[in-house]
Amino acid sequence: DSSFTAGVMEGYVIRNGEIAEPILGATASGRALDALS
């Protein structure tokens, strides 16, 4: 159904257009067909 869940091995917060602190233990999820819009 285009759903996905993936662990984030490397990721960061963005603050005011700049890459800031790293994140840990995060998971990204969604339904790709909905996310396209």
PDB file of all heavy atoms in Angstrom:
ATOM      1  N   ASP A   1       0.825  -1.200   0.000  1.00  0.00           N
ATOM      2  CA  ASP A   1       0.000   0.000   0.000  1.00  0.00           C
ATOM      3  C   ASP A   1       0.861   1.252   0.000  1.00  0.00           C
ATOM      4  O   ASP A   1       0.358   2.358   0.148  1.00  0.00           O
ATOM      5  CB  ASP A   1      -0.942   0.003   1.206  1.00  0.00           C
ATOM      6  CG  ASP A   1      -0.197   0.015   2.533  1.00  0.00           C
ATOM      7  OD1 ASP A   1       1.038  -0.175   2.527  1.00  0.00           O
ATOM      8  OD2 ASP A   1      -0.852   0.200   3.567  1.00  0.00           O
ATOM      9  N   SER A   2       2.168   1.089  -0.167  1.00  0.00           N
ATOM     10  CA  SER A   2       3.208   2.129  -0.193  1.00  0.00           C
ATOM     11  C   SER A   2       3.592   2.608   1.196  1.00  0.00           C
ATOM     12  O   SER A   2       4.329   3.580   1.328  1.00  0.00           O
ATOM     13  CB  SER A   2       2.822   3.324  -1.082  1.00  0.00           C
ATOM     14  OG  SER A   2       2.014   4.268  -0.419  1.00  0.00           O
ATOM     15  N   SER A   3       3.124   1.925   2.250  1.00  0.00           N
ATOM     16  CA  SER A   3       3.531   2.299   3.601  1.00  0.00           C
ATOM     17  C   SER A   3       4.980   1.892   3.836  1.00  0.00           C
ATOM     18  O   SER A   3       5.468   0.921   3.258  1.00  0.00           O
ATOM     19  CB  SER A   3       2.633   1.624   4.637  1.00  0.00           C
ATOM     20  OG  SER A   3       2.721   0.217   4.548  1.00  0.00           O
ATOM     21  N   PHE A   4       5.671   2.652   4.675  1.00  0.00           N
ATOM     22  CA  PHE A   4       7.056   2.337   4.987  1.00  0.00           C
ATOM     23  C   PHE A   4       7.373   2.755   6.413  1.00  0.00           C
ATOM     24  O   PHE A   4       6.810   3.711   6.950  1.00  0.00           O
ATOM     25  CB  PHE A   4       8.018   3.027   4.019  1.00  0.00           C
ATOM     26  CG  PHE A   4       7.992   4.531   4.112  1.00  0.00           C
ATOM     27  CD1 PHE A   4       8.838   5.220   4.978  1.00  0.00           C
ATOM     28  CD2 PHE A   4       7.098   5.269   3.342  1.00  0.00           C
ATOM     29  CE1 PHE A   4       8.809   6.603   5.064  1.00  0.00           C
ATOM     30  CE2 PHE A   4       7.055   6.662   3.427  1.00  0.00           C
ATOM     31  CZ  PHE A   4       7.918   7.318   4.295  1.00  0.00           C
ATOM     32  N   THR A   5       8.268   2.004   7.015  1.00  0.00           N
ATOM     33  CA  THR A   5       8.840   2.343   8.313  1.00  0.00           C
ATOM     34  C   THR A   5      10.316   2.001   8.233  1.00  0.00           C
ATOM     35  O   THR A   5      10.666   0.878   7.872  1.00  0.00           O
ATOM     36  CB  THR A   5       8.188   1.544   9.458  1.00  0.00           C
ATOM     37  OG1 THR A   5       6.785   1.825   9.475  1.00  0.00           O
ATOM     38  CG2 THR A   5       8.794   1.930  10.804  1.00  0.00           C
ATOM     39  N   ALA A   6      11.178   2.950   8.549  1.00  0.00           N
ATOM     40  CA  ALA A   6      12.617   2.718   8.442  1.00  0.00           C
ATOM     41  C   ALA A   6      13.340   3.374   9.603  1.00  0.00           C
ATOM     42  O   ALA A   6      13.014   4.505   9.988  1.00  0.00           O
ATOM     43  CB  ALA A   6      13.163   3.260   7.121  1.00  0.00           C
ATOM     44  N   GLY A   7      14.304   2.656  10.143  1.00  0.00           N
ATOM     45  CA  GLY A   7      15.158   3.257  11.153  1.00  0.00           C
ATOM     46  C   GLY A   7      16.034   4.335  10.543  1.00  0.00           C
ATOM     47  O   GLY A   7      16.388   4.278   9.361  1.00  0.00           O
ATOM     48  N   VAL A   8      16.365   5.334  11.337  1.00  0.00           N
ATOM     49  CA  VAL A   8      17.241   6.415  10.881  1.00  0.00           C
ATOM     50  C   VAL A   8      18.628   6.171  11.468  1.00  0.00           C
ATOM     51  O   VAL A   8      18.846   6.323  12.660  1.00  0.00           O
ATOM     52  CB  VAL A   8      16.708   7.793  11.318  1.00  0.00           C
ATOM     53  CG1 VAL A   8      17.661   8.907  10.857  1.00  0.00           C
ATOM     54  CG2 VAL A   8      15.305   8.024  10.769  1.00  0.00           C
ATOM     55  N   MET A   9      19.571   5.776  10.614  1.00  0.00           N
ATOM     56  CA  MET A   9      20.935   5.518  11.073  1.00  0.00           C
ATOM     57  C   MET A   9      21.718   6.811  11.279  1.00  0.00           C
ATOM     58  O   MET A   9      22.559   6.906  12.165  1.00  0.00           O
ATOM     59  CB  MET A   9      21.660   4.621  10.071  1.00  0.00           C
ATOM     60  CG  MET A   9      21.021   3.266   9.849  1.00  0.00           C
ATOM     61  SD  MET A   9      21.001   2.257  11.343  1.00  0.00           S
ATOM     62  CE  MET A   9      22.743   1.948  11.582  1.00  0.00           C
ATOM     63  N   GLU A  10      21.455   7.790  10.424  1.00  0.00           N
ATOM     64  CA  GLU A  10      22.084   9.101  10.570  1.00  0.00           C
ATOM     65  C   GLU A  10      21.049  10.172  10.243  1.00  0.00           C
ATOM     66  O   GLU A  10      20.445  10.156   9.170  1.00  0.00           O
ATOM     67  CB  GLU A  10      23.289   9.250   9.646  1.00  0.00           C
ATOM     68  CG  GLU A  10      23.997  10.591   9.791  1.00  0.00           C
ATOM     69  CD  GLU A  10      25.178  10.776   8.853  1.00  0.00           C
ATOM     70  OE1 GLU A  10      25.477   9.843   8.081  1.00  0.00           O
ATOM     71  OE2 GLU A  10      25.795  11.857   8.892  1.00  0.00           O
ATOM     72  N   GLY A  11      20.830  11.095  11.175  1.00  0.00           N
ATOM     73  CA  GLY A  11      19.860  12.156  10.970  1.00  0.00           C
ATOM     74  C   GLY A  11      20.139  13.330  11.889  1.00  0.00           C
ATOM     75  O   GLY A  11      20.827  13.190  12.914  1.00  0.00           O
ATOM     76  N   TYR A  12      19.590  14.503  11.539  1.00  0.00           N
ATOM     77  CA  TYR A  12      19.871  15.726  12.273  1.00  0.00           C
ATOM     78  C   TYR A  12      18.624  16.613  12.338  1.00  0.00           C
ATOM     79  O   TYR A  12      17.746  16.543  11.470  1.00  0.00           O
ATOM     80  CB  TYR A  12      20.993  16.521  11.595  1.00  0.00           C
ATOM     81  CG  TYR A  12      22.264  15.736  11.418  1.00  0.00           C
ATOM     82  CD1 TYR A  12      22.458  14.938  10.299  1.00  0.00           C
ATOM     83  CD2 TYR A  12      23.263  15.767  12.389  1.00  0.00           C
ATOM     84  CE1 TYR A  12      23.625  14.191  10.135  1.00  0.00           C
ATOM     85  CE2 TYR A  12      24.433  15.037  12.232  1.00  0.00           C
ATOM     86  CZ  TYR A  12      24.600  14.243  11.111  1.00  0.00           C
ATOM     87  OH  TYR A  12      25.754  13.498  10.958  1.00  0.00           O
ATOM     88  N   VAL A  13      18.576  17.442  13.342  1.00  0.00           N
ATOM     89  CA  VAL A  13      17.576  18.495  13.400  1.00  0.00           C
ATOM     90  C   VAL A  13      18.016  19.629  12.477  1.00  0.00           C
ATOM     91  O   VAL A  13      19.213  19.913  12.353  1.00  0.00           O
ATOM     92  CB  VAL A  13      17.416  19.013  14.851  1.00  0.00           C
ATOM     93  CG1 VAL A  13      16.477  20.229  14.903  1.00  0.00           C
ATOM     94  CG2 VAL A  13      16.895  17.902  15.760  1.00  0.00           C
ATOM     95  N   ILE A  14      17.060  20.262  11.823  1.00  0.00           N
ATOM     96  CA  ILE A  14      17.324  21.490  11.063  1.00  0.00           C
ATOM     97  C   ILE A  14      16.704  22.649  11.847  1.00  0.00           C
ATOM     98  O   ILE A  14      15.520  22.599  12.209  1.00  0.00           O
ATOM     99  CB  ILE A  14      16.703  21.437   9.655  1.00  0.00           C
ATOM    100  CG1 ILE A  14      17.270  20.267   8.850  1.00  0.00           C
ATOM    101  CG2 ILE A  14      16.957  22.754   8.912  1.00  0.00           C
ATOM    102  CD1 ILE A  14      16.596  20.072   7.496  1.00  0.00           C
ATOM    103  N   ARG A  15      17.510  23.665  12.111  1.00  0.00           N
ATOM    104  CA  ARG A  15      17.022  24.870  12.798  1.00  0.00           C
ATOM    105  C   ARG A  15      17.389  26.100  11.972  1.00  0.00           C
ATOM    106  O   ARG A  15      18.561  26.334  11.677  1.00  0.00           O
ATOM    107  CB  ARG A  15      17.636  24.991  14.197  1.00  0.00           C
ATOM    108  CG  ARG A  15      17.241  23.892  15.151  1.00  0.00           C
ATOM    109  CD  ARG A  15      17.785  24.148  16.553  1.00  0.00           C
ATOM    110  NE  ARG A  15      17.568  22.994  17.412  1.00  0.00           N
ATOM    111  CZ  ARG A  15      16.423  22.724  18.025  1.00  0.00           C
ATOM    112  NH1 ARG A  15      15.401  23.559  17.879  1.00  0.00           N
ATOM    113  NH2 ARG A  15      16.306  21.661  18.786  1.00  0.00           N
ATOM    114  N   ASN A  16      16.350  26.840  11.598  1.00  0.00           N
ATOM    115  CA  ASN A  16      16.557  28.085  10.844  1.00  0.00           C
ATOM    116  C   ASN A  16      17.460  27.891   9.626  1.00  0.00           C
ATOM    117  O   ASN A  16      18.384  28.665   9.373  1.00  0.00           O
ATOM    118  CB  ASN A  16      17.132  29.166  11.761  1.00  0.00           C
ATOM    119  CG  ASN A  16      16.179  29.520  12.884  1.00  0.00           C
ATOM    120  OD1 ASN A  16      14.980  29.659  12.663  1.00  0.00           O
ATOM    121  ND2 ASN A  16      16.712  29.641  14.091  1.00  0.00           N
ATOM    122  N   GLY A  17      17.176  26.823   8.895  1.00  0.00           N
ATOM    123  CA  GLY A  17      17.888  26.582   7.648  1.00  0.00           C
ATOM    124  C   GLY A  17      19.288  26.045   7.787  1.00  0.00           C
ATOM    125  O   GLY A  17      20.037  26.013   6.806  1.00  0.00           O
ATOM    126  N   GLU A  18      19.667  25.593   8.995  1.00  0.00           N
ATOM    127  CA  GLU A  18      21.004  25.045   9.193  1.00  0.00           C
ATOM    128  C   GLU A  18      20.917  23.680   9.876  1.00  0.00           C
ATOM    129  O   GLU A  18      20.031  23.439  10.707  1.00  0.00           O
ATOM    130  CB  GLU A  18      21.851  25.992  10.040  1.00  0.00           C
ATOM    131  CG  GLU A  18      22.133  27.321   9.364  1.00  0.00           C
ATOM    132  CD  GLU A  18      23.089  28.178  10.158  1.00  0.00           C
ATOM    133  OE1 GLU A  18      23.435  27.784  11.298  1.00  0.00           O
ATOM    134  OE2 GLU A  18      23.509  29.231   9.649  1.00  0.00           O
ATOM    135  N   ILE A  19      21.865  22.797   9.519  1.00  0.00           N
ATOM    136  CA  ILE A  19      21.913  21.474  10.135  1.00  0.00           C
ATOM    137  C   ILE A  19      22.430  21.625  11.557  1.00  0.00           C
ATOM    138  O   ILE A  19      23.500  22.190  11.786  1.00  0.00           O
ATOM    139  CB  ILE A  19      22.811  20.525   9.317  1.00  0.00           C
ATOM    140  CG1 ILE A  19      22.230  20.333   7.903  1.00  0.00           C
ATOM    141  CG2 ILE A  19      22.944  19.171  10.014  1.00  0.00           C
ATOM    142  CD1 ILE A  19      23.130  19.571   6.969  1.00  0.00           C
ATOM    143  N   ALA A  20      21.658  21.109  12.531  1.00  0.00           N
ATOM    144  CA  ALA A  20      21.985  21.284  13.947  1.00  0.00           C
ATOM    145  C   ALA A  20      22.329  19.932  14.583  1.00  0.00           C
ATOM    146  O   ALA A  20      23.080  19.150  14.006  1.00  0.00           O
ATOM    147  CB  ALA A  20      20.825  21.973  14.660  1.00  0.00           C
ATOM    148  N   GLU A  21      21.779  19.670  15.763  1.00  0.00           N
ATOM    149  CA  GLU A  21      22.197  18.506  16.554  1.00  0.00           C
ATOM    150  C   GLU A  21      21.738  17.184  15.931  1.00  0.00           C
ATOM    151  O   GLU A  21      20.703  17.109  15.279  1.00  0.00           O
ATOM    152  CB  GLU A  21      21.663  18.620  17.985  1.00  0.00           C
ATOM    153  CG  GLU A  21      20.148  18.519  18.114  1.00  0.00           C
ATOM    154  CD  GLU A  21      19.454  19.872  18.061  1.00  0.00           C
ATOM    155  OE1 GLU A  21      20.049  20.824  17.510  1.00  0.00           O
ATOM    156  OE2 GLU A  21      18.316  19.962  18.538  1.00  0.00           O
ATOM    157  N   PRO A  22      22.523  16.112  16.123  1.00  0.00           N
ATOM    158  CA  PRO A  22      22.161  14.788  15.609  1.00  0.00           C
ATOM    159  C   PRO A  22      21.028  14.176  16.426  1.00  0.00           C
ATOM    160  O   PRO A  22      20.784  14.568  17.575  1.00  0.00           O
ATOM    161  CB  PRO A  22      23.444  13.974  15.752  1.00  0.00           C
ATOM    162  CG  PRO A  22      24.177  14.631  16.876  1.00  0.00           C
ATOM    163  CD  PRO A  22      23.847  16.087  16.789  1.00  0.00           C
ATOM    164  N   ILE A  23      20.317  13.229  15.810  1.00  0.00           N
ATOM    165  CA  ILE A  23      19.257  12.497  16.500  1.00  0.00           C
ATOM    166  C   ILE A  23      19.628  11.026  16.590  1.00  0.00           C
ATOM    167  O   ILE A  23      20.453  10.522  15.815  1.00  0.00           O
ATOM    168  CB  ILE A  23      17.895  12.669  15.806  1.00  0.00           C
ATOM    169  CG1 ILE A  23      17.957  12.190  14.337  1.00  0.00           C
ATOM    170  CG2 ILE A  23      17.439  14.116  15.888  1.00  0.00           C
ATOM    171  CD1 ILE A  23      16.610  12.248  13.633  1.00  0.00           C
ATOM    172  N   LEU A  24      19.020  10.334  17.533  1.00  0.00           N
ATOM    173  CA  LEU A  24      19.352   8.934  17.807  1.00  0.00           C
ATOM    174  C   LEU A  24      18.062   8.153  18.044  1.00  0.00           C
ATOM    175  O   LEU A  24      17.119   8.664  18.647  1.00  0.00           O
ATOM    176  CB  LEU A  24      20.237   8.831  19.056  1.00  0.00           C
ATOM    177  CG  LEU A  24      20.526   7.415  19.580  1.00  0.00           C
ATOM    178  CD1 LEU A  24      21.433   6.673  18.597  1.00  0.00           C
ATOM    179  CD2 LEU A  24      21.158   7.482  20.965  1.00  0.00           C
ATOM    180  N   GLY A  25      18.041   6.906  17.591  1.00  0.00           N
ATOM    181  CA  GLY A  25      16.911   6.023  17.858  1.00  0.00           C
ATOM    182  C   GLY A  25      15.638   6.442  17.159  1.00  0.00           C
ATOM    183  O   GLY A  25      14.536   6.131  17.617  1.00  0.00           O
ATOM    184  N   ALA A  26      15.760   7.151  16.044  1.00  0.00           N
ATOM    185  CA  ALA A  26      14.584   7.666  15.344  1.00  0.00           C
ATOM    186  C   ALA A  26      14.062   6.660  14.321  1.00  0.00           C
ATOM    187  O   ALA A  26      14.795   5.825  13.791  1.00  0.00           O
ATOM    188  CB  ALA A  26      14.920   8.981  14.650  1.00  0.00           C
ATOM    189  N   THR A  27      12.775   6.781  14.037  1.00  0.00           N
ATOM    190  CA  THR A  27      12.123   5.986  13.002  1.00  0.00           C
ATOM    191  C   THR A  27      11.335   6.921  12.097  1.00  0.00           C
ATOM    192  O   THR A  27      10.616   7.802  12.583  1.00  0.00           O
ATOM    193  CB  THR A  27      11.165   4.953  13.613  1.00  0.00           C
ATOM    194  OG1 THR A  27      11.906   4.055  14.446  1.00  0.00           O
ATOM    195  CG2 THR A  27      10.468   4.152  12.533  1.00  0.00           C
ATOM    196  N   ALA A  28      11.469   6.741  10.796  1.00  0.00           N
ATOM    197  CA  ALA A  28      10.703   7.522   9.826  1.00  0.00           C
ATOM    198  C   ALA A  28       9.623   6.630   9.233  1.00  0.00           C
ATOM    199  O   ALA A  28       9.888   5.477   8.879  1.00  0.00           O
ATOM    200  CB  ALA A  28      11.608   8.050   8.714  1.00  0.00           C
ATOM    201  N   SER A  29       8.411   7.152   9.129  1.00  0.00           N
ATOM    202  CA  SER A  29       7.315   6.333   8.601  1.00  0.00           C
ATOM    203  C   SER A  29       6.350   7.202   7.806  1.00  0.00           C
ATOM    204  O   SER A  29       6.335   8.433   7.925  1.00  0.00           O
ATOM    205  CB  SER A  29       6.572   5.623   9.736  1.00  0.00           C
ATOM    206  OG  SER A  29       5.988   6.562  10.618  1.00  0.00           O
ATOM    207  N   GLY A  30       5.533   6.546   7.021  1.00  0.00           N
ATOM    208  CA  GLY A  30       4.532   7.251   6.235  1.00  0.00           C
ATOM    209  C   GLY A  30       3.945   6.333   5.184  1.00  0.00           C
ATOM    210  O   GLY A  30       4.207   5.128   5.162  1.00  0.00           O
ATOM    211  N   ARG A  31       3.147   6.909   4.323  1.00  0.00           N
ATOM    212  CA  ARG A  31       2.602   6.211   3.162  1.00  0.00           C
ATOM    213  C   ARG A  31       3.032   7.023   1.948  1.00  0.00           C
ATOM    214  O   ARG A  31       2.598   8.157   1.767  1.00  0.00           O
ATOM    215  CB  ARG A  31       1.081   6.102   3.254  1.00  0.00           C
ATOM    216  CG  ARG A  31       0.434   5.260   2.172  1.00  0.00           C
ATOM    217  CD  ARG A  31      -1.060   5.085   2.420  1.00  0.00           C
ATOM    218  NE  ARG A  31      -1.674   4.281   1.377  1.00  0.00           N
ATOM    219  CZ  ARG A  31      -2.190   4.783   0.242  1.00  0.00           C
ATOM    220  NH1 ARG A  31      -2.131   6.103   0.022  1.00  0.00           N
ATOM    221  NH2 ARG A  31      -2.755   3.991  -0.661  1.00  0.00           N
ATOM    222  N   ALA A  32       3.911   6.428   1.148  1.00  0.00           N
ATOM    223  CA  ALA A  32       4.582   7.188   0.094  1.00  0.00           C
ATOM    224  C   ALA A  32       3.612   7.844  -0.868  1.00  0.00           C
ATOM    225  O   ALA A  32       3.824   8.982  -1.289  1.00  0.00           O
ATOM    226  CB  ALA A  32       5.549   6.281  -0.663  1.00  0.00           C
ATOM    227  N   LEU A  33       2.524   7.156  -1.238  1.00  0.00           N
ATOM    228  CA  LEU A  33       1.590   7.744  -2.185  1.00  0.00           C
ATOM    229  C   LEU A  33       0.899   8.968  -1.613  1.00  0.00           C
ATOM    230  O   LEU A  33       0.537   9.889  -2.341  1.00  0.00           O
ATOM    231  CB  LEU A  33       0.553   6.697  -2.622  1.00  0.00           C
ATOM    232  CG  LEU A  33       1.077   5.599  -3.548  1.00  0.00           C
ATOM    233  CD1 LEU A  33      -0.024   4.619  -3.892  1.00  0.00           C
ATOM    234  CD2 LEU A  33       1.682   6.181  -4.820  1.00  0.00           C
ATOM    235  N   ASP A  34       0.698   9.004  -0.297  1.00  0.00           N
ATOM    236  CA  ASP A  34       0.148  10.198   0.339  1.00  0.00           C
ATOM    237  C   ASP A  34       1.207  11.287   0.465  1.00  0.00           C
ATOM    238  O   ASP A  34       0.920  12.474   0.297  1.00  0.00           O
ATOM    239  CB  ASP A  34      -0.396   9.857   1.731  1.00  0.00           C
ATOM    240  CG  ASP A  34      -1.598   8.919   1.675  1.00  0.00           C
ATOM    241  OD1 ASP A  34      -2.281   8.906   0.633  1.00  0.00           O
ATOM    242  OD2 ASP A  34      -1.836   8.202   2.662  1.00  0.00           O
ATOM    243  N   ALA A  35       2.457  10.861   0.754  1.00  0.00           N
ATOM    244  CA  ALA A  35       3.533  11.827   0.983  1.00  0.00           C
ATOM    245  C   ALA A  35       3.939  12.559  -0.298  1.00  0.00           C
ATOM    246  O   ALA A  35       4.470  13.678  -0.227  1.00  0.00           O
ATOM    247  CB  ALA A  35       4.745  11.119   1.578  1.00  0.00           C
ATOM    248  N   LEU A  36       3.699  11.968  -1.466  1.00  0.00           N
ATOM    249  CA  LEU A  36       4.114  12.605  -2.718  1.00  0.00           C
ATOM    250  C   LEU A  36       3.551  14.006  -2.859  1.00  0.00           C
ATOM    251  O   LEU A  36       4.239  14.922  -3.340  1.00  0.00           O
ATOM    252  CB  LEU A  36       3.672  11.751  -3.916  1.00  0.00           C
ATOM    253  CG  LEU A  36       4.441  10.446  -4.174  1.00  0.00           C
ATOM    254  CD1 LEU A  36       3.796   9.669  -5.307  1.00  0.00           C
ATOM    255  CD2 LEU A  36       5.898  10.732  -4.493  1.00  0.00           C
ATOM    256  N   SER A  37       2.308  14.201  -2.431  1.00  0.00           N
ATOM    257  CA  SER A  37       1.691  15.524  -2.582  1.00  0.00           C
ATOM    258  C   SER A  37       2.348  16.567  -1.685  1.00  0.00           C
ATOM    259  O   SER A  37       2.168  17.766  -1.875  1.00  0.00           O
ATOM    260  CB  SER A  37       0.193  15.454  -2.265  1.00  0.00           C
ATOM    261  OG  SER A  37      -0.010  15.077  -0.908  1.00  0.00           O
TER     262      SER A  37
END
